[in-house]
């Protein structure tokens, strides 16, 4: 995991190399999620931008910045 800061120190940005077998979600009753990889003391408020299938490995951005997530997911941006 790599952590980056924006100009606003309140926002957090993490790059995560998602392993296979982990669900891209904030919570799941049946499977381990990408958020389970993060320590409990920093997990609150974070969410993944985008999705990767359970068995797919690859880059995910995990953040608490809703505006950034919105812009990353919208085709016009």
PDB file of N, CA and C in Angstrom:
ATOM      1  N   UNK A   1       0.832  -1.168   0.000  1.00  0.00           N
ATOM      2  CA  UNK A   1       0.000   0.000   0.000  1.00  0.00           C
ATOM      3  C   UNK A   1       0.879   1.233   0.000  1.00  0.00           C
ATOM      4  N   UNK A   2       0.448   2.232  -0.729  1.00  0.00           N
ATOM      5  CA  UNK A   2       1.128   3.518  -0.711  1.00  0.00           C
ATOM      6  C   UNK A   2       0.118   4.574  -0.313  1.00  0.00           C
ATOM      7  N   UNK A   3       0.496   5.499   0.527  1.00  0.00           N
ATOM      8  CA  UNK A   3      -0.401   6.554   0.982  1.00  0.00           C
ATOM      9  C   UNK A   3       0.063   7.882   0.403  1.00  0.00           C
ATOM     10  N   UNK A   4      -0.900   8.647  -0.101  1.00  0.00           N
ATOM     11  CA  UNK A   4      -0.615   9.973  -0.653  1.00  0.00           C
ATOM     12  C   UNK A   4      -1.517  10.984   0.023  1.00  0.00           C
ATOM     13  N   UNK A   5      -1.060  12.211   0.128  1.00  0.00           N
ATOM     14  CA  UNK A   5      -1.847  13.282   0.719  1.00  0.00           C
ATOM     15  C   UNK A   5      -2.149  14.329  -0.338  1.00  0.00           C
ATOM     16  N   UNK A   6      -3.333  14.902  -0.237  1.00  0.00           N
ATOM     17  CA  UNK A   6      -3.657  16.037  -1.111  1.00  0.00           C
ATOM     18  C   UNK A   6      -3.241  17.305  -0.390  1.00  0.00           C
ATOM     19  N   UNK A   7      -3.540  18.436  -0.987  1.00  0.00           N
ATOM     20  CA  UNK A   7      -3.273  19.709  -0.332  1.00  0.00           C
ATOM     21  C   UNK A   7      -4.070  19.841   0.955  1.00  0.00           C
ATOM     22  N   UNK A   8      -5.219  19.170   1.007  1.00  0.00           N
ATOM     23  CA  UNK A   8      -6.050  19.144   2.200  1.00  0.00           C
ATOM     24  C   UNK A   8      -5.666  17.906   2.992  1.00  0.00           C
ATOM     25  N   UNK A   9      -4.977  18.082   4.089  1.00  0.00           N
ATOM     26  CA  UNK A   9      -4.455  16.951   4.862  1.00  0.00           C
ATOM     27  C   UNK A   9      -5.567  16.068   5.426  1.00  0.00           C
ATOM     28  N   UNK A  10      -6.825  16.519   5.341  1.00  0.00           N
ATOM     29  CA  UNK A  10      -7.935  15.722   5.845  1.00  0.00           C
ATOM     30  C   UNK A  10      -8.239  14.526   4.952  1.00  0.00           C
ATOM     31  N   UNK A  11      -7.942  14.620   3.657  1.00  0.00           N
ATOM     32  CA  UNK A  11      -8.276  13.556   2.718  1.00  0.00           C
ATOM     33  C   UNK A  11      -7.148  12.527   2.648  1.00  0.00           C
ATOM     34  N   UNK A  12      -7.530  11.260   2.512  1.00  0.00           N
ATOM     35  CA  UNK A  12      -6.547  10.194   2.443  1.00  0.00           C
ATOM     36  C   UNK A  12      -6.708   9.445   1.127  1.00  0.00           C
ATOM     37  N   UNK A  13      -5.573   9.060   0.536  1.00  0.00           N
ATOM     38  CA  UNK A  13      -5.553   8.333  -0.732  1.00  0.00           C
ATOM     39  C   UNK A  13      -4.555   7.182  -0.609  1.00  0.00           C
ATOM     40  N   UNK A  14      -5.019   5.977  -0.902  1.00  0.00           N
ATOM     41  CA  UNK A  14      -4.156   4.808  -0.852  1.00  0.00           C
ATOM     42  C   UNK A  14      -4.208   4.093  -2.191  1.00  0.00           C
ATOM     43  N   UNK A  15      -3.068   3.621  -2.644  1.00  0.00           N
ATOM     44  CA  UNK A  15      -3.008   2.732  -3.802  1.00  0.00           C
ATOM     45  C   UNK A  15      -2.848   1.325  -3.239  1.00  0.00           C
ATOM     46  N   UNK A  16      -3.713   0.423  -3.681  1.00  0.00           N
ATOM     47  CA  UNK A  16      -3.702  -0.943  -3.171  1.00  0.00           C
ATOM     48  C   UNK A  16      -3.603  -1.910  -4.336  1.00  0.00           C
ATOM     49  N   UNK A  17      -2.635  -2.816  -4.281  1.00  0.00           N
ATOM     50  CA  UNK A  17      -2.560  -3.893  -5.252  1.00  0.00           C
ATOM     51  C   UNK A  17      -3.479  -5.000  -4.732  1.00  0.00           C
ATOM     52  N   UNK A  18      -4.716  -5.007  -5.233  1.00  0.00           N
ATOM     53  CA  UNK A  18      -5.728  -5.939  -4.750  1.00  0.00           C
ATOM     54  C   UNK A  18      -5.336  -7.371  -5.070  1.00  0.00           C
ATOM     55  N   UNK A  19      -5.307  -8.223  -4.059  1.00  0.00           N
ATOM     56  CA  UNK A  19      -5.010  -9.634  -4.323  1.00  0.00           C
ATOM     57  C   UNK A  19      -6.255 -10.366  -4.824  1.00  0.00           C
ATOM     58  N   UNK A  20      -6.062 -11.478  -5.492  1.00  0.00           N
ATOM     59  CA  UNK A  20      -7.174 -12.315  -5.905  1.00  0.00           C
ATOM     60  C   UNK A  20      -7.880 -12.902  -4.691  1.00  0.00           C
ATOM     61  N   UNK A  21      -9.167 -13.202  -4.832  1.00  0.00           N
ATOM     62  CA  UNK A  21      -9.927 -13.811  -3.755  1.00  0.00           C
ATOM     63  C   UNK A  21     -10.507 -12.835  -2.768  1.00  0.00           C
ATOM     64  N   UNK A  22     -10.338 -11.541  -3.017  1.00  0.00           N
ATOM     65  CA  UNK A  22     -10.832 -10.495  -2.121  1.00  0.00           C
ATOM     66  C   UNK A  22     -11.875  -9.677  -2.877  1.00  0.00           C
ATOM     67  N   UNK A  23     -12.988  -9.369  -2.218  1.00  0.00           N
ATOM     68  CA  UNK A  23     -14.082  -8.628  -2.831  1.00  0.00           C
ATOM     69  C   UNK A  23     -13.808  -7.126  -2.754  1.00  0.00           C
ATOM     70  N   UNK A  24     -14.085  -6.413  -3.839  1.00  0.00           N
ATOM     71  CA  UNK A  24     -13.967  -4.953  -3.842  1.00  0.00           C
ATOM     72  C   UNK A  24     -15.261  -4.376  -3.278  1.00  0.00           C
ATOM     73  N   UNK A  25     -15.297  -4.200  -1.979  1.00  0.00           N
ATOM     74  CA  UNK A  25     -16.467  -3.671  -1.280  1.00  0.00           C
ATOM     75  C   UNK A  25     -16.022  -3.158   0.082  1.00  0.00           C
ATOM     76  N   UNK A  26     -16.876  -2.373   0.707  1.00  0.00           N
ATOM     77  CA  UNK A  26     -16.556  -1.901   2.054  1.00  0.00           C
ATOM     78  C   UNK A  26     -16.909  -2.948   3.099  1.00  0.00           C
ATOM     79  N   UNK A  27     -17.907  -3.788   2.792  1.00  0.00           N
ATOM     80  CA  UNK A  27     -18.259  -4.877   3.704  1.00  0.00           C
ATOM     81  C   UNK A  27     -18.940  -5.989   2.918  1.00  0.00           C
ATOM     82  N   UNK A  28     -18.851  -7.200   3.433  1.00  0.00           N
ATOM     83  CA  UNK A  28     -19.487  -8.360   2.817  1.00  0.00           C
ATOM     84  C   UNK A  28     -19.675  -9.406   3.904  1.00  0.00           C
ATOM     85  N   UNK A  29     -20.855  -9.999   3.959  1.00  0.00           N
ATOM     86  CA  UNK A  29     -21.152 -10.988   5.005  1.00  0.00           C
ATOM     87  C   UNK A  29     -20.427 -12.313   4.797  1.00  0.00           C
ATOM     88  N   UNK A  30     -20.019 -12.586   3.547  1.00  0.00           N
ATOM     89  CA  UNK A  30     -19.507 -13.910   3.227  1.00  0.00           C
ATOM     90  C   UNK A  30     -18.030 -13.956   2.826  1.00  0.00           C
ATOM     91  N   UNK A  31     -17.464 -12.832   2.412  1.00  0.00           N
ATOM     92  CA  UNK A  31     -16.099 -12.829   1.873  1.00  0.00           C
ATOM     93  C   UNK A  31     -15.249 -11.729   2.493  1.00  0.00           C
ATOM     94  N   UNK A  32     -13.950 -11.932   2.448  1.00  0.00           N
ATOM     95  CA  UNK A  32     -13.000 -10.896   2.853  1.00  0.00           C
ATOM     96  C   UNK A  32     -13.056  -9.768   1.831  1.00  0.00           C
ATOM     97  N   UNK A  33     -13.003  -8.524   2.291  1.00  0.00           N
ATOM     98  CA  UNK A  33     -13.049  -7.372   1.397  1.00  0.00           C
ATOM     99  C   UNK A  33     -11.713  -6.638   1.387  1.00  0.00           C
ATOM    100  N   UNK A  34     -11.551  -5.742   0.432  1.00  0.00           N
ATOM    101  CA  UNK A  34     -10.328  -4.934   0.382  1.00  0.00           C
ATOM    102  C   UNK A  34     -10.177  -4.089   1.634  1.00  0.00           C
ATOM    103  N   UNK A  35     -11.274  -3.734   2.266  1.00  0.00           N
ATOM    104  CA  UNK A  35     -11.182  -2.935   3.482  1.00  0.00           C
ATOM    105  C   UNK A  35     -10.657  -3.746   4.662  1.00  0.00           C
ATOM    106  N   UNK A  36     -10.822  -5.048   4.614  1.00  0.00           N
ATOM    107  CA  UNK A  36     -10.278  -5.908   5.673  1.00  0.00           C
ATOM    108  C   UNK A  36      -8.752  -5.936   5.663  1.00  0.00           C
ATOM    109  N   UNK A  37      -8.152  -5.516   4.568  1.00  0.00           N
ATOM    110  CA  UNK A  37      -6.691  -5.455   4.462  1.00  0.00           C
ATOM    111  C   UNK A  37      -6.131  -4.305   5.301  1.00  0.00           C
ATOM    112  N   UNK A  38      -6.943  -3.257   5.479  1.00  0.00           N
ATOM    113  CA  UNK A  38      -6.510  -2.063   6.209  1.00  0.00           C
ATOM    114  C   UNK A  38      -6.651  -2.267   7.714  1.00  0.00           C
ATOM    115  N   UNK A  39      -5.718  -1.733   8.497  1.00  0.00           N
ATOM    116  CA  UNK A  39      -5.843  -1.804   9.954  1.00  0.00           C
ATOM    117  C   UNK A  39      -7.126  -1.097  10.421  1.00  0.00           C
ATOM    118  N   UNK A  40      -7.724  -1.589  11.476  1.00  0.00           N
ATOM    119  CA  UNK A  40      -8.970  -1.022  11.996  1.00  0.00           C
ATOM    120  C   UNK A  40      -8.871   0.479  12.279  1.00  0.00           C
ATOM    121  N   UNK A  41      -7.722   0.932  12.767  1.00  0.00           N
ATOM    122  CA  UNK A  41      -7.603   2.327  13.196  1.00  0.00           C
ATOM    123  C   UNK A  41      -7.571   3.331  12.041  1.00  0.00           C
ATOM    124  N   UNK A  42      -7.415   2.890  10.785  1.00  0.00           N
ATOM    125  CA  UNK A  42      -7.442   3.829   9.659  1.00  0.00           C
ATOM    126  C   UNK A  42      -8.564   3.519   8.672  1.00  0.00           C
ATOM    127  N   UNK A  43      -9.294   2.449   8.882  1.00  0.00           N
ATOM    128  CA  UNK A  43     -10.308   1.981   7.921  1.00  0.00           C
ATOM    129  C   UNK A  43     -11.548   2.877   7.848  1.00  0.00           C
ATOM    130  N   UNK A  44     -11.930   3.490   8.943  1.00  0.00           N
ATOM    131  CA  UNK A  44     -13.185   4.241   8.999  1.00  0.00           C
ATOM    132  C   UNK A  44     -13.225   5.364   7.954  1.00  0.00           C
ATOM    133  N   UNK A  45     -14.308   5.398   7.201  1.00  0.00           N
ATOM    134  CA  UNK A  45     -14.524   6.450   6.203  1.00  0.00           C
ATOM    135  C   UNK A  45     -13.936   6.167   4.839  1.00  0.00           C
ATOM    136  N   UNK A  46     -13.098   5.144   4.723  1.00  0.00           N
ATOM    137  CA  UNK A  46     -12.477   4.822   3.439  1.00  0.00           C
ATOM    138  C   UNK A  46     -13.388   3.961   2.584  1.00  0.00           C
ATOM    139  N   UNK A  47     -13.238   4.078   1.266  1.00  0.00           N
ATOM    140  CA  UNK A  47     -13.983   3.246   0.328  1.00  0.00           C
ATOM    141  C   UNK A  47     -13.176   3.112  -0.957  1.00  0.00           C
ATOM    142  N   UNK A  48     -13.394   2.019  -1.690  1.00  0.00           N
ATOM    143  CA  UNK A  48     -12.674   1.817  -2.952  1.00  0.00           C
ATOM    144  C   UNK A  48     -13.320   2.618  -4.082  1.00  0.00           C
ATOM    145  N   UNK A  49     -12.489   3.105  -5.001  1.00  0.00           N
ATOM    146  CA  UNK A  49     -12.984   3.739  -6.219  1.00  0.00           C
ATOM    147  C   UNK A  49     -12.966   2.672  -7.303  1.00  0.00           C
ATOM    148  N   UNK A  50     -14.128   2.374  -7.852  1.00  0.00           N
ATOM    149  CA  UNK A  50     -14.225   1.364  -8.895  1.00  0.00           C
ATOM    150  C   UNK A  50     -14.332  -0.027  -8.315  1.00  0.00           C
ATOM    151  N   UNK A  51     -14.271  -1.023  -9.217  1.00  0.00           N
ATOM    152  CA  UNK A  51     -14.417  -2.415  -8.793  1.00  0.00           C
ATOM    153  C   UNK A  51     -13.511  -3.313  -9.614  1.00  0.00           C
ATOM    154  N   UNK A  52     -13.041  -4.342  -8.981  1.00  0.00           N
ATOM    155  CA  UNK A  52     -12.363  -5.437  -9.665  1.00  0.00           C
ATOM    156  C   UNK A  52     -13.065  -6.722  -9.228  1.00  0.00           C
ATOM    157  N   UNK A  53     -13.205  -7.669 -10.132  1.00  0.00           N
ATOM    158  CA  UNK A  53     -13.809  -8.955  -9.794  1.00  0.00           C
ATOM    159  C   UNK A  53     -13.034  -9.625  -8.663  1.00  0.00           C
ATOM    160  N   UNK A  54     -13.699 -10.510  -7.960  1.00  0.00           N
ATOM    161  CA  UNK A  54     -13.097 -11.188  -6.806  1.00  0.00           C
ATOM    162  C   UNK A  54     -11.744 -11.813  -7.139  1.00  0.00           C
ATOM    163  N   UNK A  55     -11.641 -12.495  -8.259  1.00  0.00           N
ATOM    164  CA  UNK A  55     -10.403 -13.202  -8.587  1.00  0.00           C
ATOM    165  C   UNK A  55      -9.378 -12.358  -9.331  1.00  0.00           C
ATOM    166  N   UNK A  56      -9.738 -11.112  -9.667  1.00  0.00           N
ATOM    167  CA  UNK A  56      -8.837 -10.224 -10.403  1.00  0.00           C
ATOM    168  C   UNK A  56      -7.881  -9.526  -9.451  1.00  0.00           C
ATOM    169  N   UNK A  57      -6.624  -9.466  -9.843  1.00  0.00           N
ATOM    170  CA  UNK A  57      -5.615  -8.703  -9.106  1.00  0.00           C
ATOM    171  C   UNK A  57      -5.377  -7.398  -9.841  1.00  0.00           C
ATOM    172  N   UNK A  58      -5.081  -6.314  -9.120  1.00  0.00           N
ATOM    173  CA  UNK A  58      -4.777  -5.064  -9.794  1.00  0.00           C
ATOM    174  C   UNK A  58      -4.896  -3.869  -8.880  1.00  0.00           C
ATOM    175  N   UNK A  59      -4.661  -2.705  -9.472  1.00  0.00           N
ATOM    176  CA  UNK A  59      -4.628  -1.445  -8.736  1.00  0.00           C
ATOM    177  C   UNK A  59      -6.026  -0.965  -8.380  1.00  0.00           C
ATOM    178  N   UNK A  60      -6.198  -0.626  -7.133  1.00  0.00           N
ATOM    179  CA  UNK A  60      -7.395   0.064  -6.655  1.00  0.00           C
ATOM    180  C   UNK A  60      -6.949   1.300  -5.898  1.00  0.00           C
ATOM    181  N   UNK A  61      -7.734   2.347  -6.003  1.00  0.00           N
ATOM    182  CA  UNK A  61      -7.515   3.532  -5.185  1.00  0.00           C
ATOM    183  C   UNK A  61      -8.552   3.499  -4.075  1.00  0.00           C
ATOM    184  N   UNK A  62      -8.083   3.655  -2.859  1.00  0.00           N
ATOM    185  CA  UNK A  62      -8.937   3.671  -1.679  1.00  0.00           C
ATOM    186  C   UNK A  62      -8.828   5.073  -1.087  1.00  0.00           C
ATOM    187  N   UNK A  63      -9.967   5.710  -0.812  1.00  0.00           N
ATOM    188  CA  UNK A  63      -9.934   7.094  -0.355  1.00  0.00           C
ATOM    189  C   UNK A  63     -11.110   7.396   0.561  1.00  0.00           C
ATOM    190  N   UNK A  64     -11.113   8.576   1.120  1.00  0.00           N
ATOM    191  CA  UNK A  64     -12.268   9.116   1.823  1.00  0.00           C
ATOM    192  C   UNK A  64     -12.740  10.405   1.145  1.00  0.00           C
ATOM    193  N   UNK A  65     -12.238  10.661  -0.049  1.00  0.00           N
ATOM    194  CA  UNK A  65     -12.538  11.873  -0.805  1.00  0.00           C
ATOM    195  C   UNK A  65     -13.642  11.596  -1.832  1.00  0.00           C
ATOM    196  N   UNK A  66     -14.880  11.905  -1.461  1.00  0.00           N
ATOM    197  CA  UNK A  66     -16.021  11.649  -2.329  1.00  0.00           C
ATOM    198  C   UNK A  66     -15.986  12.431  -3.629  1.00  0.00           C
ATOM    199  N   UNK A  67     -15.529  13.678  -3.598  1.00  0.00           N
ATOM    200  CA  UNK A  67     -15.445  14.498  -4.816  1.00  0.00           C
ATOM    201  C   UNK A  67     -14.443  13.897  -5.802  1.00  0.00           C
ATOM    202  N   UNK A  68     -13.310  13.451  -5.301  1.00  0.00           N
ATOM    203  CA  UNK A  68     -12.302  12.823  -6.146  1.00  0.00           C
ATOM    204  C   UNK A  68     -12.858  11.537  -6.769  1.00  0.00           C
ATOM    205  N   UNK A  69     -13.531  10.725  -5.965  1.00  0.00           N
ATOM    206  CA  UNK A  69     -14.121   9.481  -6.463  1.00  0.00           C
ATOM    207  C   UNK A  69     -15.144   9.772  -7.556  1.00  0.00           C
ATOM    208  N   UNK A  70     -15.977  10.764  -7.340  1.00  0.00           N
ATOM    209  CA  UNK A  70     -16.982  11.143  -8.333  1.00  0.00           C
ATOM    210  C   UNK A  70     -16.324  11.501  -9.660  1.00  0.00           C
ATOM    211  N   UNK A  71     -15.285  12.316  -9.597  1.00  0.00           N
ATOM    212  CA  UNK A  71     -14.606  12.753 -10.827  1.00  0.00           C
ATOM    213  C   UNK A  71     -13.879  11.589 -11.509  1.00  0.00           C
ATOM    214  N   UNK A  72     -13.344  10.665 -10.743  1.00  0.00           N
ATOM    215  CA  UNK A  72     -12.644   9.522 -11.324  1.00  0.00           C
ATOM    216  C   UNK A  72     -13.603   8.579 -12.050  1.00  0.00           C
ATOM    217  N   UNK A  73     -14.824   8.484 -11.587  1.00  0.00           N
ATOM    218  CA  UNK A  73     -15.772   7.523 -12.138  1.00  0.00           C
ATOM    219  C   UNK A  73     -16.649   8.090 -13.254  1.00  0.00           C
ATOM    220  N   UNK A  74     -16.699   9.395 -13.399  1.00  0.00           N
ATOM    221  CA  UNK A  74     -17.563  10.014 -14.397  1.00  0.00           C
ATOM    222  C   UNK A  74     -16.840  10.149 -15.730  1.00  0.00           C
ATOM    223  N   UNK A  75     -17.427   9.658 -16.831  1.00  0.00           N
ATOM    224  CA  UNK A  75     -16.774   9.697 -18.144  1.00  0.00           C
ATOM    225  C   UNK A  75     -16.428  11.113 -18.616  1.00  0.00           C
ATOM    226  N   UNK A  76     -17.222  12.105 -18.239  1.00  0.00           N
ATOM    227  CA  UNK A  76     -16.951  13.467 -18.727  1.00  0.00           C
ATOM    228  C   UNK A  76     -15.696  14.079 -18.117  1.00  0.00           C
ATOM    229  N   UNK A  77     -15.185  13.483 -17.076  1.00  0.00           N
ATOM    230  CA  UNK A  77     -13.947  13.982 -16.464  1.00  0.00           C
ATOM    231  C   UNK A  77     -12.777  13.119 -16.858  1.00  0.00           C
TER     232      UNK A  77
END
